[in-house]
Amino acid sequence: MPRRQKNPLRPLTDQERLELERLSRSHHGAVVVVGRAKVLLGVAAGLPYTQAAQEAGRTSGDGVAHLVARFNQHGLNALATRPSRRPPRTYGSAERNRILDTARRPPDREQDGTATWSLSTLQRVLRREPGFEQLSTYTILGVLREAGLTWQRDRTWCETGVAQRQRKSGVVKVTDPNAEAKKS
């Protein structure tokens, strides 16, 4: 026997029931909204939260409890997806250039605390600069890859298709003409 619900679903009006049934059969609506409508109809039919969740393809009865509480307060507006907390931070070309300049310069062992760059050491160094306090390694990775840099075995970031070779005459930059074809 299921436990007594702390916040049971209020009785549905005829209009709410019709709208929930329409949404639960929708093939064009958002999948999340369709699932929420099915859950609410199951709870309105007298099913326990966990069983209503399972019949709608969900896994948690706790999510159903939150949905029911939201539906009791806001009605059909509880079905709509809510906006996320804040948009992701985007960096302009000046910030991207600062990230690339830092990655391309050789690290100073004493100042940067490393002999070679990794994503976490780049992040640590860049977060000291103003405007990069929330910079993630994922963002750094995206900027480096967009610029054509890849992670090499010697733990350094290098341009894809460009290698430095030691010759008798000195260090020479060698470019692979098929680098773009090999990337894709």
C-alpha atoms as a PDB file:
ATOM      1  CA  MET A   1       0.000   0.000   0.000  1.00  0.00           C
ATOM      2  CA  PRO A   2       1.506   3.341  -1.013  1.00  0.00           C
ATOM      3  CA  ARG A   3       2.168   6.081   1.493  1.00  0.00           C
ATOM      4  CA  ARG A   4      -0.280   8.947   1.865  1.00  0.00           C
ATOM      5  CA  GLN A   5       0.729  11.827  -0.401  1.00  0.00           C
ATOM      6  CA  LYS A   6       1.820  14.990   1.392  1.00  0.00           C
ATOM      7  CA  ASN A   7       0.503  17.242  -1.351  1.00  0.00           C
ATOM      8  CA  PRO A   8      -2.253  15.363  -3.229  1.00  0.00           C
ATOM      9  CA  LEU A   9      -3.442  16.499  -6.634  1.00  0.00           C
ATOM     10  CA  ARG A  10      -6.386  18.878  -6.455  1.00  0.00           C
ATOM     11  CA  PRO A  11      -9.521  17.898  -8.416  1.00  0.00           C
ATOM     12  CA  LEU A  12      -9.188  18.690 -12.120  1.00  0.00           C
ATOM     13  CA  THR A  13     -11.684  20.931 -13.866  1.00  0.00           C
ATOM     14  CA  ASP A  14     -13.305  19.606 -17.033  1.00  0.00           C
ATOM     15  CA  GLN A  15     -11.315  22.056 -19.140  1.00  0.00           C
ATOM     16  CA  GLU A  16      -8.017  21.026 -17.485  1.00  0.00           C
ATOM     17  CA  ARG A  17      -8.795  17.339 -17.998  1.00  0.00           C
ATOM     18  CA  LEU A  18      -9.574  17.891 -21.697  1.00  0.00           C
ATOM     19  CA  GLU A  19      -6.376  19.886 -22.191  1.00  0.00           C
ATOM     20  CA  LEU A  20      -4.277  17.248 -20.377  1.00  0.00           C
ATOM     21  CA  GLU A  21      -5.794  14.472 -22.510  1.00  0.00           C
ATOM     22  CA  ARG A  22      -5.142  16.467 -25.676  1.00  0.00           C
ATOM     23  CA  LEU A  23      -1.529  17.125 -24.661  1.00  0.00           C
ATOM     24  CA  SER A  24      -0.917  13.500 -23.645  1.00  0.00           C
ATOM     25  CA  ARG A  25      -1.856  12.331 -27.167  1.00  0.00           C
ATOM     26  CA  SER A  26       0.071  15.069 -28.950  1.00  0.00           C
ATOM     27  CA  HIS A  27       2.684  14.067 -31.510  1.00  0.00           C
ATOM     28  CA  HIS A  28       3.785  17.631 -32.184  1.00  0.00           C
ATOM     29  CA  GLY A  29       4.225  18.928 -28.653  1.00  0.00           C
ATOM     30  CA  ALA A  30       7.404  18.838 -26.619  1.00  0.00           C
ATOM     31  CA  VAL A  31       8.145  15.383 -25.238  1.00  0.00           C
ATOM     32  CA  VAL A  32       8.555  16.799 -21.742  1.00  0.00           C
ATOM     33  CA  VAL A  33       5.102  18.410 -21.810  1.00  0.00           C
ATOM     34  CA  VAL A  34       3.491  15.215 -23.144  1.00  0.00           C
ATOM     35  CA  GLY A  35       5.126  13.175 -20.373  1.00  0.00           C
ATOM     36  CA  ARG A  36       4.009  15.628 -17.700  1.00  0.00           C
ATOM     37  CA  ALA A  37       0.434  15.517 -18.981  1.00  0.00           C
ATOM     38  CA  LYS A  38       0.464  11.710 -18.857  1.00  0.00           C
ATOM     39  CA  VAL A  39       1.796  11.754 -15.298  1.00  0.00           C
ATOM     40  CA  LEU A  40      -0.902  14.161 -14.124  1.00  0.00           C
ATOM     41  CA  LEU A  41      -3.643  12.110 -15.764  1.00  0.00           C
ATOM     42  CA  GLY A  42      -2.309   8.986 -14.063  1.00  0.00           C
ATOM     43  CA  VAL A  43      -2.280  10.692 -10.664  1.00  0.00           C
ATOM     44  CA  ALA A  44      -5.783  12.062 -11.307  1.00  0.00           C
ATOM     45  CA  ALA A  45      -6.924   8.489 -12.060  1.00  0.00           C
ATOM     46  CA  GLY A  46      -5.796   7.483  -8.566  1.00  0.00           C
ATOM     47  CA  LEU A  47      -2.407   5.911  -9.290  1.00  0.00           C
ATOM     48  CA  PRO A  48       0.414   6.299  -6.754  1.00  0.00           C
ATOM     49  CA  TYR A  49       3.169   8.699  -7.813  1.00  0.00           C
ATOM     50  CA  THR A  50       5.708   5.963  -8.578  1.00  0.00           C
ATOM     51  CA  GLN A  51       3.278   3.971 -10.708  1.00  0.00           C
ATOM     52  CA  ALA A  52       2.124   7.109 -12.565  1.00  0.00           C
ATOM     53  CA  ALA A  53       5.770   7.914 -13.243  1.00  0.00           C
ATOM     54  CA  GLN A  54       6.479   4.409 -14.569  1.00  0.00           C
ATOM     55  CA  GLU A  55       3.447   4.401 -16.861  1.00  0.00           C
ATOM     56  CA  ALA A  56       4.531   7.739 -18.343  1.00  0.00           C
ATOM     57  CA  GLY A  57       8.077   6.466 -18.907  1.00  0.00           C
ATOM     58  CA  ARG A  58       9.617   8.318 -15.962  1.00  0.00           C
ATOM     59  CA  THR A  59      11.729   6.789 -13.224  1.00  0.00           C
ATOM     60  CA  SER A  60      11.145   8.887 -10.112  1.00  0.00           C
ATOM     61  CA  GLY A  61       8.065   9.418  -8.037  1.00  0.00           C
ATOM     62  CA  ASP A  62       9.792  12.420  -6.441  1.00  0.00           C
ATOM     63  CA  GLY A  63       9.641  14.289  -9.732  1.00  0.00           C
ATOM     64  CA  VAL A  64       5.920  13.536  -9.890  1.00  0.00           C
ATOM     65  CA  ALA A  65       5.466  14.968  -6.400  1.00  0.00           C
ATOM     66  CA  HIS A  66       7.177  18.202  -7.464  1.00  0.00           C
ATOM     67  CA  LEU A  67       5.065  18.367 -10.621  1.00  0.00           C
ATOM     68  CA  VAL A  68       1.841  17.843  -8.654  1.00  0.00           C
ATOM     69  CA  ALA A  69       2.779  20.593  -6.196  1.00  0.00           C
ATOM     70  CA  ARG A  70       3.577  22.937  -9.093  1.00  0.00           C
ATOM     71  CA  PHE A  71       0.305  22.005 -10.852  1.00  0.00           C
ATOM     72  CA  ASN A  72      -1.693  22.702  -7.677  1.00  0.00           C
ATOM     73  CA  GLN A  73      -0.208  26.205  -7.549  1.00  0.00           C
ATOM     74  CA  HIS A  74       0.010  27.207 -11.220  1.00  0.00           C
ATOM     75  CA  GLY A  75      -2.461  24.984 -13.063  1.00  0.00           C
ATOM     76  CA  LEU A  76      -1.664  24.107 -16.681  1.00  0.00           C
ATOM     77  CA  ASN A  77       1.249  26.563 -16.683  1.00  0.00           C
ATOM     78  CA  ALA A  78       3.159  23.978 -14.630  1.00  0.00           C
ATOM     79  CA  LEU A  79       3.481  21.822 -17.758  1.00  0.00           C
ATOM     80  CA  ALA A  80       5.543  24.370 -19.665  1.00  0.00           C
ATOM     81  CA  THR A  81       9.303  24.135 -19.544  1.00  0.00           C
ATOM     82  CA  ARG A  82      10.835  26.833 -17.411  1.00  0.00           C
ATOM     83  CA  PRO A  83      13.791  28.912 -18.565  1.00  0.00           C
ATOM     84  CA  SER A  84      17.208  27.888 -17.342  1.00  0.00           C
ATOM     85  CA  ARG A  85      18.951  29.892 -14.656  1.00  0.00           C
ATOM     86  CA  ARG A  86      21.143  32.024 -16.881  1.00  0.00           C
ATOM     87  CA  PRO A  87      22.495  31.922 -20.408  1.00  0.00           C
ATOM     88  CA  PRO A  88      25.962  30.486 -20.864  1.00  0.00           C
ATOM     89  CA  ARG A  89      28.762  33.006 -20.820  1.00  0.00           C
ATOM     90  CA  THR A  90      30.092  33.789 -24.268  1.00  0.00           C
ATOM     91  CA  TYR A  91      33.483  35.224 -24.987  1.00  0.00           C
ATOM     92  CA  GLY A  92      34.189  37.628 -27.805  1.00  0.00           C
ATOM     93  CA  SER A  93      37.132  37.632 -30.162  1.00  0.00           C
ATOM     94  CA  ALA A  94      39.324  39.649 -27.775  1.00  0.00           C
ATOM     95  CA  GLU A  95      38.849  37.099 -24.977  1.00  0.00           C
ATOM     96  CA  ARG A  96      39.412  34.204 -27.373  1.00  0.00           C
ATOM     97  CA  ASN A  97      42.648  35.811 -28.533  1.00  0.00           C
ATOM     98  CA  ARG A  98      43.783  36.179 -24.922  1.00  0.00           C
ATOM     99  CA  ILE A  99      43.118  32.459 -24.358  1.00  0.00           C
ATOM    100  CA  LEU A 100      45.045  31.545 -27.522  1.00  0.00           C
ATOM    101  CA  ASP A 101      47.960  33.857 -26.668  1.00  0.00           C
ATOM    102  CA  THR A 102      48.267  32.261 -23.249  1.00  0.00           C
ATOM    103  CA  ALA A 103      48.120  28.743 -24.707  1.00  0.00           C
ATOM    104  CA  ARG A 104      50.709  29.523 -27.388  1.00  0.00           C
ATOM    105  CA  ARG A 105      53.277  31.062 -25.078  1.00  0.00           C
ATOM    106  CA  PRO A 106      55.582  28.670 -23.236  1.00  0.00           C
ATOM    107  CA  PRO A 107      54.633  28.451 -19.558  1.00  0.00           C
ATOM    108  CA  ASP A 108      56.914  29.973 -16.933  1.00  0.00           C
ATOM    109  CA  ARG A 109      57.673  27.288 -14.333  1.00  0.00           C
ATOM    110  CA  GLU A 110      57.747  29.675 -11.413  1.00  0.00           C
ATOM    111  CA  GLN A 111      54.903  31.989 -12.351  1.00  0.00           C
ATOM    112  CA  ASP A 112      52.546  29.399 -13.909  1.00  0.00           C
ATOM    113  CA  GLY A 113      53.620  26.386 -11.846  1.00  0.00           C
ATOM    114  CA  THR A 114      53.984  24.049 -14.830  1.00  0.00           C
ATOM    115  CA  ALA A 115      56.397  23.099 -17.587  1.00  0.00           C
ATOM    116  CA  THR A 116      53.691  22.187 -20.130  1.00  0.00           C
ATOM    117  CA  TRP A 117      50.132  23.360 -20.576  1.00  0.00           C
ATOM    118  CA  SER A 118      47.150  21.229 -19.735  1.00  0.00           C
ATOM    119  CA  LEU A 119      43.542  22.388 -19.710  1.00  0.00           C
ATOM    120  CA  SER A 120      43.496  22.686 -15.921  1.00  0.00           C
ATOM    121  CA  THR A 121      46.762  24.656 -15.746  1.00  0.00           C
ATOM    122  CA  LEU A 122      45.558  26.967 -18.525  1.00  0.00           C
ATOM    123  CA  GLN A 123      42.320  27.430 -16.616  1.00  0.00           C
ATOM    124  CA  ARG A 124      44.148  28.219 -13.378  1.00  0.00           C
ATOM    125  CA  VAL A 125      46.362  30.833 -15.065  1.00  0.00           C
ATOM    126  CA  LEU A 126      43.529  32.430 -17.051  1.00  0.00           C
ATOM    127  CA  ARG A 127      41.188  32.633 -14.054  1.00  0.00           C
ATOM    128  CA  ARG A 128      43.647  35.033 -12.415  1.00  0.00           C
ATOM    129  CA  GLU A 129      42.927  37.547 -15.193  1.00  0.00           C
ATOM    130  CA  PRO A 130      39.894  39.847 -14.973  1.00  0.00           C
ATOM    131  CA  GLY A 131      36.913  38.638 -16.989  1.00  0.00           C
ATOM    132  CA  PHE A 132      37.871  34.963 -16.803  1.00  0.00           C
ATOM    133  CA  GLU A 133      36.810  34.183 -13.214  1.00  0.00           C
ATOM    134  CA  GLN A 134      34.219  31.616 -14.373  1.00  0.00           C
ATOM    135  CA  LEU A 135      36.182  30.190 -17.331  1.00  0.00           C
ATOM    136  CA  SER A 136      35.734  26.431 -17.762  1.00  0.00           C
ATOM    137  CA  THR A 137      38.073  23.875 -19.274  1.00  0.00           C
ATOM    138  CA  TYR A 138      35.302  23.019 -21.743  1.00  0.00           C
ATOM    139  CA  THR A 139      35.372  26.596 -23.066  1.00  0.00           C
ATOM    140  CA  ILE A 140      39.162  26.548 -23.310  1.00  0.00           C
ATOM    141  CA  LEU A 141      39.010  23.249 -25.202  1.00  0.00           C
ATOM    142  CA  GLY A 142      36.461  24.686 -27.651  1.00  0.00           C
ATOM    143  CA  VAL A 143      38.554  27.806 -28.299  1.00  0.00           C
ATOM    144  CA  LEU A 144      41.728  25.766 -28.853  1.00  0.00           C
ATOM    145  CA  ARG A 145      40.050  23.295 -31.199  1.00  0.00           C
ATOM    146  CA  GLU A 146      38.363  26.100 -33.119  1.00  0.00           C
ATOM    147  CA  ALA A 147      41.811  27.618 -33.674  1.00  0.00           C
ATOM    148  CA  GLY A 148      43.096  24.301 -35.064  1.00  0.00           C
ATOM    149  CA  LEU A 149      45.156  23.287 -32.037  1.00  0.00           C
ATOM    150  CA  THR A 150      45.221  19.685 -30.834  1.00  0.00           C
ATOM    151  CA  TRP A 151      46.577  17.893 -27.776  1.00  0.00           C
ATOM    152  CA  GLN A 152      49.816  16.078 -28.572  1.00  0.00           C
ATOM    153  CA  ARG A 153      51.526  13.155 -26.833  1.00  0.00           C
ATOM    154  CA  ASP A 154      54.153  15.375 -25.263  1.00  0.00           C
ATOM    155  CA  ARG A 155      51.314  17.209 -23.423  1.00  0.00           C
ATOM    156  CA  THR A 156      51.471  20.391 -25.431  1.00  0.00           C
ATOM    157  CA  TRP A 157      48.989  22.125 -27.676  1.00  0.00           C
ATOM    158  CA  CYS A 158      50.133  22.322 -31.301  1.00  0.00           C
ATOM    159  CA  GLU A 159      48.664  23.410 -34.575  1.00  0.00           C
ATOM    160  CA  THR A 160      47.159  20.468 -36.413  1.00  0.00           C
ATOM    161  CA  GLY A 161      49.267  19.466 -39.399  1.00  0.00           C
ATOM    162  CA  VAL A 162      52.254  21.595 -38.388  1.00  0.00           C
ATOM    163  CA  ALA A 163      55.341  20.071 -36.760  1.00  0.00           C
ATOM    164  CA  GLN A 164      58.740  21.394 -35.827  1.00  0.00           C
ATOM    165  CA  ARG A 165      61.652  19.192 -36.963  1.00  0.00           C
ATOM    166  CA  GLN A 166      65.294  19.433 -36.032  1.00  0.00           C
ATOM    167  CA  ARG A 167      67.542  19.695 -39.097  1.00  0.00           C
ATOM    168  CA  LYS A 168      71.222  20.385 -39.519  1.00  0.00           C
ATOM    169  CA  SER A 169      70.346  23.941 -40.427  1.00  0.00           C
ATOM    170  CA  GLY A 170      68.178  24.346 -37.284  1.00  0.00           C
ATOM    171  CA  VAL A 171      64.518  23.950 -36.373  1.00  0.00           C
ATOM    172  CA  VAL A 172      62.181  23.870 -39.385  1.00  0.00           C
ATOM    173  CA  LYS A 173      58.377  24.052 -39.468  1.00  0.00           C
ATOM    174  CA  VAL A 174      56.939  21.226 -41.577  1.00  0.00           C
ATOM    175  CA  THR A 175      53.346  21.451 -42.793  1.00  0.00           C
ATOM    176  CA  ASP A 176      51.230  18.448 -43.764  1.00  0.00           C
ATOM    177  CA  PRO A 177      49.268  19.365 -46.942  1.00  0.00           C
ATOM    178  CA  ASN A 178      46.593  16.730 -46.159  1.00  0.00           C
ATOM    179  CA  ALA A 179      45.930  17.880 -42.582  1.00  0.00           C
ATOM    180  CA  GLU A 180      42.415  19.176 -43.311  1.00  0.00           C
ATOM    181  CA  ALA A 181      41.412  15.941 -45.037  1.00  0.00           C
ATOM    182  CA  LYS A 182      42.716  13.895 -42.093  1.00  0.00           C
ATOM    183  CA  LYS A 183      40.728  15.947 -39.554  1.00  0.00           C
ATOM    184  CA  SER A 184      37.375  15.038 -41.039  1.00  0.00           C
END
